[in-house]
Amino acid sequence: GLFWFVPGMAWLERRIRADAELAADAGALRRGADRLALAAAIVREGEARADGRHPALGGSSVLERVRRLTSKAAPVWGAPLRAVLATYLCVGILESCFGGY
């Protein structure tokens, strides 16, 4: 909330959170988690959010995560690479705004 005045900061924060969730899903799969069991857990959590039990939770859409988990070939580097790029973009924006102070 500190950088609310920087254009696009809220969008960037949502994208970083979403990419972190996708990276966590990919990590769980690398450690041997069952794709369908993980997808079912995500759907249950999404339904709980829709019921209003967890209104403050943010992140990627449930549909996007379930599609990735149930597809034949899930992208391996997509989410971590986007998270790194988003972090560099954020640091660059902050540096350009406050670098001279």
Protein backbone atom coordinates (compact mmCIF):
# COMPACT_ATOMS: atom_id res chain seq x y z
CA GLY A 1 0.00 0.00 0.00
CA LEU A 2 2.97 2.30 0.45
CA PHE A 3 3.42 2.75 -3.31
CA TRP A 4 -0.26 3.23 -4.22
CA PHE A 5 0.67 6.27 -6.31
CA VAL A 6 2.94 4.31 -8.68
CA PRO A 7 0.91 3.45 -11.80
CA GLY A 8 0.37 -0.27 -12.21
CA MET A 9 1.65 -1.23 -8.76
CA ALA A 10 -1.60 -2.96 -7.72
CA TRP A 11 -1.64 -4.95 -10.97
CA LEU A 12 2.02 -5.88 -10.50
CA GLU A 13 1.35 -7.06 -6.95
CA ARG A 14 -1.54 -9.26 -8.12
CA ARG A 15 0.59 -10.72 -10.92
CA ILE A 16 3.46 -11.51 -8.52
CA ARG A 17 1.05 -13.26 -6.14
CA ALA A 18 -0.53 -15.21 -9.00
CA ASP A 19 2.87 -16.24 -10.36
CA ALA A 20 3.96 -17.32 -6.88
CA GLU A 21 0.91 -19.59 -6.64
CA LEU A 22 1.65 -21.09 -10.06
CA ALA A 23 5.29 -21.63 -9.07
CA ALA A 24 4.14 -23.34 -5.84
CA ASP A 25 1.92 -25.64 -7.89
CA ALA A 26 4.85 -26.50 -10.17
CA GLY A 27 7.05 -27.17 -7.12
CA ALA A 28 4.46 -29.48 -5.61
CA LEU A 29 4.30 -31.42 -8.88
CA ARG A 30 8.09 -31.72 -9.00
CA ARG A 31 8.01 -33.20 -5.50
CA GLY A 32 5.55 -35.85 -6.62
CA ALA A 33 2.11 -34.42 -5.80
CA ASP A 34 -0.80 -35.89 -7.73
CA ARG A 35 -2.09 -33.40 -10.33
CA LEU A 36 -5.75 -34.26 -9.82
CA ALA A 37 -5.55 -34.20 -6.03
CA LEU A 38 -3.90 -30.78 -6.13
CA ALA A 39 -6.47 -29.50 -8.63
CA ALA A 40 -9.29 -30.77 -6.41
CA ALA A 41 -7.82 -28.98 -3.38
CA ILE A 42 -7.56 -25.74 -5.37
CA VAL A 43 -11.20 -26.06 -6.47
CA ARG A 44 -12.31 -26.64 -2.86
CA GLU A 45 -10.40 -23.52 -1.77
CA GLY A 46 -11.86 -21.53 -4.65
CA GLU A 47 -15.35 -22.58 -3.64
CA ALA A 48 -14.60 -21.52 -0.06
CA ARG A 49 -13.54 -18.09 -1.34
CA ALA A 50 -16.70 -17.81 -3.40
CA ASP A 51 -18.75 -18.60 -0.29
CA GLY A 52 -17.12 -15.62 1.41
CA ARG A 53 -15.20 -17.58 4.00
CA HIS A 54 -11.84 -16.25 2.76
CA PRO A 55 -12.53 -12.88 1.14
CA ALA A 56 -9.03 -11.49 1.72
CA LEU A 57 -7.17 -14.21 -0.16
CA GLY A 58 -5.84 -13.10 -3.53
CA GLY A 59 -3.90 -14.61 -6.37
CA SER A 60 -4.43 -16.31 -9.67
CA SER A 61 -7.79 -17.53 -10.82
CA VAL A 62 -8.80 -21.01 -9.80
CA LEU A 63 -9.68 -21.84 -13.39
CA GLU A 64 -6.18 -20.97 -14.66
CA ARG A 65 -4.48 -23.08 -12.00
CA VAL A 66 -6.76 -26.09 -12.55
CA ARG A 67 -6.29 -25.89 -16.32
CA ARG A 68 -2.53 -25.93 -15.88
CA LEU A 69 -2.68 -28.89 -13.52
CA THR A 70 -5.01 -30.97 -15.64
CA SER A 71 -3.31 -30.30 -18.98
CA LYS A 72 -0.93 -32.87 -20.43
CA ALA A 73 2.10 -30.59 -20.49
CA ALA A 74 2.25 -27.92 -17.81
CA PRO A 75 4.71 -25.07 -18.46
CA VAL A 76 7.81 -25.48 -16.33
CA TRP A 77 9.53 -22.09 -16.54
CA GLY A 78 6.58 -19.79 -17.26
CA ALA A 79 5.57 -18.79 -13.74
CA PRO A 80 9.06 -18.48 -12.19
CA LEU A 81 10.34 -16.50 -15.15
CA ARG A 82 7.40 -14.08 -15.02
CA ALA A 83 7.91 -13.65 -11.27
CA VAL A 84 11.57 -12.74 -11.77
CA LEU A 85 10.75 -10.33 -14.59
CA ALA A 86 7.98 -8.71 -12.54
CA THR A 87 10.39 -8.27 -9.63
CA TYR A 88 12.97 -6.59 -11.87
CA LEU A 89 10.26 -4.33 -13.29
CA CYS A 90 9.15 -3.35 -9.80
CA VAL A 91 12.70 -2.62 -8.68
CA GLY A 92 13.30 -0.60 -11.84
CA ILE A 93 10.19 1.50 -11.26
CA LEU A 94 11.09 2.14 -7.64
CA GLU A 95 14.69 2.99 -8.58
CA SER A 96 13.56 5.45 -11.24
CA CYS A 97 11.13 7.11 -8.83
CA PHE A 98 13.31 7.22 -5.71
CA GLY A 99 16.86 6.55 -6.94
CA GLY A 100 18.04 10.13 -6.55
CA TYR A 101 16.98 10.52 -2.91
